[in-house]
Amino acid sequence: MLDNLGVSLKNPIMMKAFFMGELPPNEGISFFKALLDAPVFPDEGKSASANADMYKLAVDNPEKAIWWKFTIEYGRMYERMQREWCERCIHELERLQRMRADDGSKIAQHEQAQEEQA
């Protein structure tokens, strides 16, 4: 899919997340936890920002360094959003697992009660 600027909007993480619905919830939980464990900016972008400041001092036209800053800010904000999204997905999948476990217990109790009546 292309927007009007010709920039691709495809995201491989979204494709994987979409098809995770074909797998058990525990595999989805593992997927989202792996995303949480692989940050692009382990120090929340502090070293990248420091490098951008050094770049600004080193280039002939310091105003051009602002574009590197924009890129770093985008990456930091995207990573923060992705972390929050992963945490929500994990929470929801864990809730789904608990509901399935509760339903399984109720079904087993019902079947046991029926056997006792027979």
N, C-alpha and C. Protein backbone atom coordinates (compact mmCIF):
# COMPACT_ATOMS: atom_id res chain seq x y z
N MET A 1 0.85 -1.18 0.00
CA MET A 1 0.00 0.00 0.00
C MET A 1 0.89 1.24 0.00
N LEU A 2 0.56 2.20 -0.82
CA LEU A 2 1.33 3.44 -0.88
C LEU A 2 0.44 4.62 -0.55
N ASP A 3 1.02 5.56 0.17
CA ASP A 3 0.25 6.78 0.40
C ASP A 3 0.58 7.76 -0.73
N ASN A 4 0.10 8.96 -0.64
CA ASN A 4 0.28 9.91 -1.74
C ASN A 4 1.73 10.41 -1.86
N LEU A 5 2.59 10.08 -0.91
CA LEU A 5 3.99 10.47 -1.01
C LEU A 5 4.85 9.35 -1.60
N GLY A 6 4.24 8.20 -1.87
CA GLY A 6 5.00 7.08 -2.40
C GLY A 6 5.76 6.31 -1.33
N VAL A 7 5.36 6.47 -0.07
CA VAL A 7 6.02 5.79 1.03
C VAL A 7 5.26 4.51 1.36
N SER A 8 5.98 3.42 1.46
CA SER A 8 5.34 2.15 1.78
C SER A 8 4.87 2.15 3.23
N LEU A 9 3.64 1.70 3.45
CA LEU A 9 3.08 1.66 4.81
C LEU A 9 3.00 0.24 5.34
N LYS A 10 3.67 -0.70 4.71
CA LYS A 10 3.65 -2.09 5.14
C LYS A 10 4.48 -2.24 6.42
N ASN A 11 3.99 -3.08 7.31
CA ASN A 11 4.69 -3.29 8.57
C ASN A 11 4.73 -4.79 8.85
N PRO A 12 5.90 -5.41 8.82
CA PRO A 12 5.97 -6.86 9.02
C PRO A 12 5.48 -7.30 10.40
N ILE A 13 5.62 -6.46 11.40
CA ILE A 13 5.13 -6.81 12.74
C ILE A 13 3.61 -6.94 12.72
N MET A 14 2.94 -6.05 12.00
CA MET A 14 1.48 -6.12 11.90
C MET A 14 1.04 -7.38 11.17
N MET A 15 1.78 -7.76 10.14
CA MET A 15 1.44 -8.98 9.40
C MET A 15 1.57 -10.19 10.32
N LYS A 16 2.66 -10.26 11.07
CA LYS A 16 2.86 -11.38 11.99
C LYS A 16 1.78 -11.39 13.06
N ALA A 17 1.49 -10.22 13.62
CA ALA A 17 0.47 -10.14 14.68
C ALA A 17 -0.88 -10.60 14.15
N PHE A 18 -1.22 -10.19 12.95
CA PHE A 18 -2.51 -10.58 12.37
C PHE A 18 -2.65 -12.10 12.29
N PHE A 19 -1.60 -12.76 11.82
CA PHE A 19 -1.67 -14.21 11.65
C PHE A 19 -1.41 -14.98 12.94
N MET A 20 -1.03 -14.31 14.01
CA MET A 20 -0.88 -14.97 15.30
C MET A 20 -2.23 -15.51 15.79
N GLY A 21 -3.32 -14.99 15.26
CA GLY A 21 -4.64 -15.48 15.63
C GLY A 21 -4.86 -16.93 15.26
N GLU A 22 -4.01 -17.48 14.40
CA GLU A 22 -4.10 -18.89 14.01
C GLU A 22 -3.40 -19.80 15.02
N LEU A 23 -2.70 -19.20 15.97
CA LEU A 23 -1.92 -19.97 16.95
C LEU A 23 -2.51 -19.84 18.34
N PRO A 24 -2.10 -20.70 19.26
CA PRO A 24 -2.59 -20.58 20.63
C PRO A 24 -2.13 -19.26 21.27
N PRO A 25 -2.91 -18.74 22.22
CA PRO A 25 -2.57 -17.46 22.85
C PRO A 25 -1.16 -17.42 23.45
N ASN A 26 -0.67 -18.54 23.98
CA ASN A 26 0.66 -18.51 24.59
C ASN A 26 1.75 -18.19 23.58
N GLU A 27 1.55 -18.57 22.32
CA GLU A 27 2.54 -18.21 21.29
C GLU A 27 2.47 -16.72 20.96
N GLY A 28 1.27 -16.17 21.00
CA GLY A 28 1.13 -14.72 20.82
C GLY A 28 1.80 -13.97 21.96
N ILE A 29 1.62 -14.45 23.17
CA ILE A 29 2.25 -13.82 24.33
C ILE A 29 3.77 -13.83 24.16
N SER A 30 4.31 -14.97 23.72
CA SER A 30 5.76 -15.07 23.50
C SER A 30 6.21 -14.08 22.42
N PHE A 31 5.43 -13.95 21.37
CA PHE A 31 5.75 -13.01 20.29
C PHE A 31 5.84 -11.58 20.81
N PHE A 32 4.82 -11.17 21.58
CA PHE A 32 4.81 -9.80 22.08
C PHE A 32 5.90 -9.56 23.14
N LYS A 33 6.18 -10.58 23.94
CA LYS A 33 7.27 -10.43 24.92
C LYS A 33 8.62 -10.31 24.22
N ALA A 34 8.80 -11.03 23.12
CA ALA A 34 10.04 -10.91 22.35
C ALA A 34 10.20 -9.49 21.79
N LEU A 35 9.11 -8.90 21.35
CA LEU A 35 9.17 -7.51 20.87
C LEU A 35 9.57 -6.56 22.00
N LEU A 36 9.04 -6.83 23.19
CA LEU A 36 9.40 -5.99 24.34
C LEU A 36 10.87 -6.12 24.70
N ASP A 37 11.44 -7.30 24.47
CA ASP A 37 12.82 -7.57 24.84
C ASP A 37 13.84 -7.13 23.80
N ALA A 38 13.38 -6.54 22.70
CA ALA A 38 14.28 -6.15 21.62
C ALA A 38 14.12 -4.66 21.27
N PRO A 39 14.41 -3.77 22.22
CA PRO A 39 14.23 -2.35 21.92
C PRO A 39 15.29 -1.83 20.95
N VAL A 40 14.91 -0.86 20.15
CA VAL A 40 15.85 -0.20 19.25
C VAL A 40 16.71 0.79 20.04
N PHE A 41 16.09 1.43 21.01
CA PHE A 41 16.76 2.41 21.85
C PHE A 41 16.80 1.90 23.29
N PRO A 42 17.77 1.03 23.63
CA PRO A 42 17.80 0.47 24.99
C PRO A 42 17.90 1.54 26.07
N ASP A 43 18.50 2.67 25.75
CA ASP A 43 18.63 3.74 26.74
C ASP A 43 17.61 4.85 26.50
N GLU A 44 16.49 4.48 25.88
CA GLU A 44 15.41 5.41 25.54
C GLU A 44 15.86 6.51 24.59
N GLY A 45 16.91 6.25 23.82
CA GLY A 45 17.35 7.20 22.80
C GLY A 45 18.31 8.26 23.27
N LYS A 46 18.75 8.18 24.51
CA LYS A 46 19.65 9.23 25.04
C LYS A 46 20.97 9.27 24.27
N SER A 47 21.56 8.11 23.97
CA SER A 47 22.84 8.11 23.25
C SER A 47 22.62 8.57 21.80
N ALA A 48 21.49 8.20 21.20
CA ALA A 48 21.21 8.65 19.83
C ALA A 48 21.06 10.16 19.80
N SER A 49 20.39 10.72 20.79
CA SER A 49 20.23 12.18 20.85
C SER A 49 21.58 12.86 21.04
N ALA A 50 22.43 12.27 21.86
CA ALA A 50 23.77 12.83 22.07
C ALA A 50 24.56 12.79 20.78
N ASN A 51 24.44 11.71 20.01
CA ASN A 51 25.12 11.62 18.72
C ASN A 51 24.59 12.66 17.75
N ALA A 52 23.31 12.91 17.79
CA ALA A 52 22.72 13.94 16.92
C ALA A 52 23.28 15.31 17.27
N ASP A 53 23.46 15.56 18.55
CA ASP A 53 24.04 16.85 18.97
C ASP A 53 25.48 16.97 18.48
N MET A 54 26.25 15.87 18.54
CA MET A 54 27.63 15.88 18.05
C MET A 54 27.65 16.09 16.54
N TYR A 55 26.71 15.46 15.85
CA TYR A 55 26.60 15.60 14.40
C TYR A 55 26.34 17.06 14.04
N LYS A 56 25.50 17.68 14.80
CA LYS A 56 25.16 19.09 14.55
C LYS A 56 26.41 19.96 14.61
N LEU A 57 27.30 19.66 15.54
CA LEU A 57 28.54 20.43 15.67
C LEU A 57 29.54 20.11 14.57
N ALA A 58 29.45 18.91 14.00
CA ALA A 58 30.45 18.45 13.03
C ALA A 58 30.13 18.82 11.58
N VAL A 59 28.87 19.05 11.24
CA VAL A 59 28.51 19.31 9.84
C VAL A 59 28.66 20.78 9.50
N ASP A 60 28.81 21.03 8.19
CA ASP A 60 28.96 22.42 7.72
C ASP A 60 27.69 23.22 7.91
N ASN A 61 26.55 22.55 7.82
CA ASN A 61 25.27 23.23 7.96
C ASN A 61 24.51 22.60 9.13
N PRO A 62 24.65 23.16 10.34
CA PRO A 62 24.02 22.55 11.52
C PRO A 62 22.51 22.42 11.42
N GLU A 63 21.86 23.25 10.59
CA GLU A 63 20.41 23.14 10.45
C GLU A 63 20.00 21.79 9.86
N LYS A 64 20.87 21.17 9.10
CA LYS A 64 20.55 19.87 8.52
C LYS A 64 20.44 18.79 9.62
N ALA A 65 21.10 19.00 10.74
CA ALA A 65 21.07 18.01 11.82
C ALA A 65 19.66 17.85 12.40
N ILE A 66 18.81 18.84 12.19
CA ILE A 66 17.46 18.75 12.72
C ILE A 66 16.71 17.54 12.12
N TRP A 67 17.06 17.17 10.89
CA TRP A 67 16.39 16.04 10.25
C TRP A 67 16.78 14.72 10.92
N TRP A 68 18.01 14.63 11.39
CA TRP A 68 18.42 13.45 12.15
C TRP A 68 17.65 13.42 13.48
N LYS A 69 17.51 14.59 14.08
CA LYS A 69 16.74 14.69 15.32
C LYS A 69 15.30 14.24 15.11
N PHE A 70 14.69 14.67 14.01
CA PHE A 70 13.31 14.25 13.71
C PHE A 70 13.21 12.73 13.62
N THR A 71 14.19 12.13 12.95
CA THR A 71 14.20 10.68 12.79
C THR A 71 14.33 9.97 14.13
N ILE A 72 15.22 10.46 14.97
CA ILE A 72 15.40 9.87 16.30
C ILE A 72 14.13 10.02 17.13
N GLU A 73 13.52 11.19 17.09
CA GLU A 73 12.28 11.41 17.84
C GLU A 73 11.18 10.46 17.36
N TYR A 74 11.08 10.27 16.05
CA TYR A 74 10.08 9.35 15.51
C TYR A 74 10.33 7.94 16.05
N GLY A 75 11.57 7.51 15.99
CA GLY A 75 11.92 6.18 16.47
C GLY A 75 11.61 5.99 17.94
N ARG A 76 11.94 6.99 18.75
CA ARG A 76 11.66 6.90 20.19
C ARG A 76 10.16 6.85 20.46
N MET A 77 9.40 7.68 19.78
CA MET A 77 7.95 7.70 19.98
C MET A 77 7.31 6.41 19.48
N TYR A 78 7.78 5.91 18.34
CA TYR A 78 7.25 4.66 17.79
C TYR A 78 7.54 3.50 18.75
N GLU A 79 8.75 3.47 19.27
CA GLU A 79 9.11 2.40 20.20
C GLU A 79 8.27 2.45 21.47
N ARG A 80 8.02 3.64 21.98
CA ARG A 80 7.17 3.78 23.17
C ARG A 80 5.75 3.29 22.88
N MET A 81 5.22 3.65 21.71
CA MET A 81 3.89 3.19 21.32
C MET A 81 3.86 1.68 21.17
N GLN A 82 4.90 1.12 20.54
CA GLN A 82 4.94 -0.33 20.34
C GLN A 82 5.01 -1.06 21.68
N ARG A 83 5.77 -0.52 22.63
CA ARG A 83 5.87 -1.13 23.96
C ARG A 83 4.50 -1.14 24.63
N GLU A 84 3.80 -0.02 24.60
CA GLU A 84 2.47 0.05 25.22
C GLU A 84 1.51 -0.92 24.53
N TRP A 85 1.58 -1.00 23.22
CA TRP A 85 0.72 -1.90 22.46
C TRP A 85 1.00 -3.35 22.83
N CYS A 86 2.28 -3.72 22.89
CA CYS A 86 2.66 -5.09 23.27
C CYS A 86 2.14 -5.43 24.66
N GLU A 87 2.29 -4.51 25.60
CA GLU A 87 1.82 -4.76 26.96
C GLU A 87 0.31 -4.97 26.99
N ARG A 88 -0.42 -4.19 26.22
CA ARG A 88 -1.88 -4.37 26.14
C ARG A 88 -2.25 -5.71 25.52
N CYS A 89 -1.54 -6.07 24.45
CA CYS A 89 -1.81 -7.35 23.79
C CYS A 89 -1.54 -8.52 24.73
N ILE A 90 -0.43 -8.46 25.46
CA ILE A 90 -0.09 -9.52 26.41
C ILE A 90 -1.17 -9.62 27.48
N HIS A 91 -1.59 -8.48 28.00
CA HIS A 91 -2.63 -8.46 29.03
C HIS A 91 -3.92 -9.12 28.50
N GLU A 92 -4.29 -8.76 27.29
CA GLU A 92 -5.54 -9.29 26.70
C GLU A 92 -5.43 -10.80 26.45
N LEU A 93 -4.29 -11.25 25.96
CA LEU A 93 -4.11 -12.68 25.71
C LEU A 93 -4.07 -13.48 27.02
N GLU A 94 -3.46 -12.91 28.05
CA GLU A 94 -3.46 -13.58 29.35
C GLU A 94 -4.88 -13.67 29.90
N ARG A 95 -5.67 -12.64 29.69
CA ARG A 95 -7.07 -12.66 30.11
C ARG A 95 -7.82 -13.75 29.35
N LEU A 96 -7.56 -13.87 28.05
CA LEU A 96 -8.19 -14.90 27.23
C LEU A 96 -7.83 -16.30 27.75
N GLN A 97 -6.57 -16.49 28.10
CA GLN A 97 -6.15 -17.79 28.63
C GLN A 97 -6.88 -18.11 29.94
N ARG A 98 -7.02 -17.11 30.81
CA ARG A 98 -7.73 -17.33 32.08
C ARG A 98 -9.18 -17.69 31.82
N MET A 99 -9.82 -17.00 30.86
CA MET A 99 -11.22 -17.29 30.54
C MET A 99 -11.35 -18.71 30.01
N ARG A 100 -10.44 -19.12 29.14
CA ARG A 100 -10.49 -20.48 28.59
C ARG A 100 -10.30 -21.52 29.70
N ALA A 101 -9.39 -21.22 30.63
CA ALA A 101 -9.16 -22.15 31.74
C ALA A 101 -10.41 -22.25 32.61
N ASP A 102 -11.04 -21.11 32.89
CA ASP A 102 -12.27 -21.10 33.68
C ASP A 102 -13.38 -21.87 32.97
N ASP A 103 -13.52 -21.65 31.66
CA ASP A 103 -14.54 -22.36 30.88
C ASP A 103 -14.26 -23.85 30.88
N GLY A 104 -13.01 -24.24 30.77
CA GLY A 104 -12.65 -25.65 30.79
C GLY A 104 -12.99 -26.29 32.12
N SER A 105 -12.78 -25.57 33.22
CA SER A 105 -13.13 -26.09 34.55
C SER A 105 -14.64 -26.26 34.67
N LYS A 106 -15.39 -25.30 34.16
CA LYS A 106 -16.85 -25.38 34.24
C LYS A 106 -17.38 -26.55 33.41
N ILE A 107 -16.80 -26.75 32.25
CA ILE A 107 -17.22 -27.87 31.39
C ILE A 107 -16.91 -29.19 32.08
N ALA A 108 -15.71 -29.29 32.66
CA ALA A 108 -15.34 -30.54 33.35
C ALA A 108 -16.28 -30.79 34.54
N GLN A 109 -16.63 -29.74 35.27
CA GLN A 109 -17.55 -29.90 36.41
C GLN A 109 -18.92 -30.36 35.92
N HIS A 110 -19.37 -29.79 34.83
CA HIS A 110 -20.68 -30.15 34.26
C HIS A 110 -20.67 -31.62 33.82
N GLU A 111 -19.60 -32.02 33.14
CA GLU A 111 -19.51 -33.41 32.69
C GLU A 111 -19.45 -34.37 33.86
N GLN A 112 -18.75 -34.00 34.91
CA GLN A 112 -18.66 -34.85 36.10
C GLN A 112 -20.03 -34.97 36.77
N ALA A 113 -20.77 -33.87 36.85
CA ALA A 113 -22.11 -33.89 37.44
C ALA A 113 -23.04 -34.80 36.63
N GLN A 114 -22.93 -34.75 35.30
CA GLN A 114 -23.76 -35.60 34.45
C GLN A 114 -23.43 -37.07 34.64
N GLU A 115 -22.14 -37.37 34.79
CA GLU A 115 -21.73 -38.76 35.01
C GLU A 115 -22.25 -39.27 36.35
N GLU A 116 -22.23 -38.41 37.35
CA GLU A 116 -22.71 -38.80 38.67
C GLU A 116 -24.22 -39.07 38.66
N GLN A 117 -24.95 -38.35 37.83
CA GLN A 117 -26.40 -38.53 37.74
C GLN A 117 -26.76 -39.81 36.98
N ALA A 118 -25.86 -40.26 36.13
CA ALA A 118 -26.16 -41.44 35.29
C ALA A 118 -26.00 -42.74 36.02
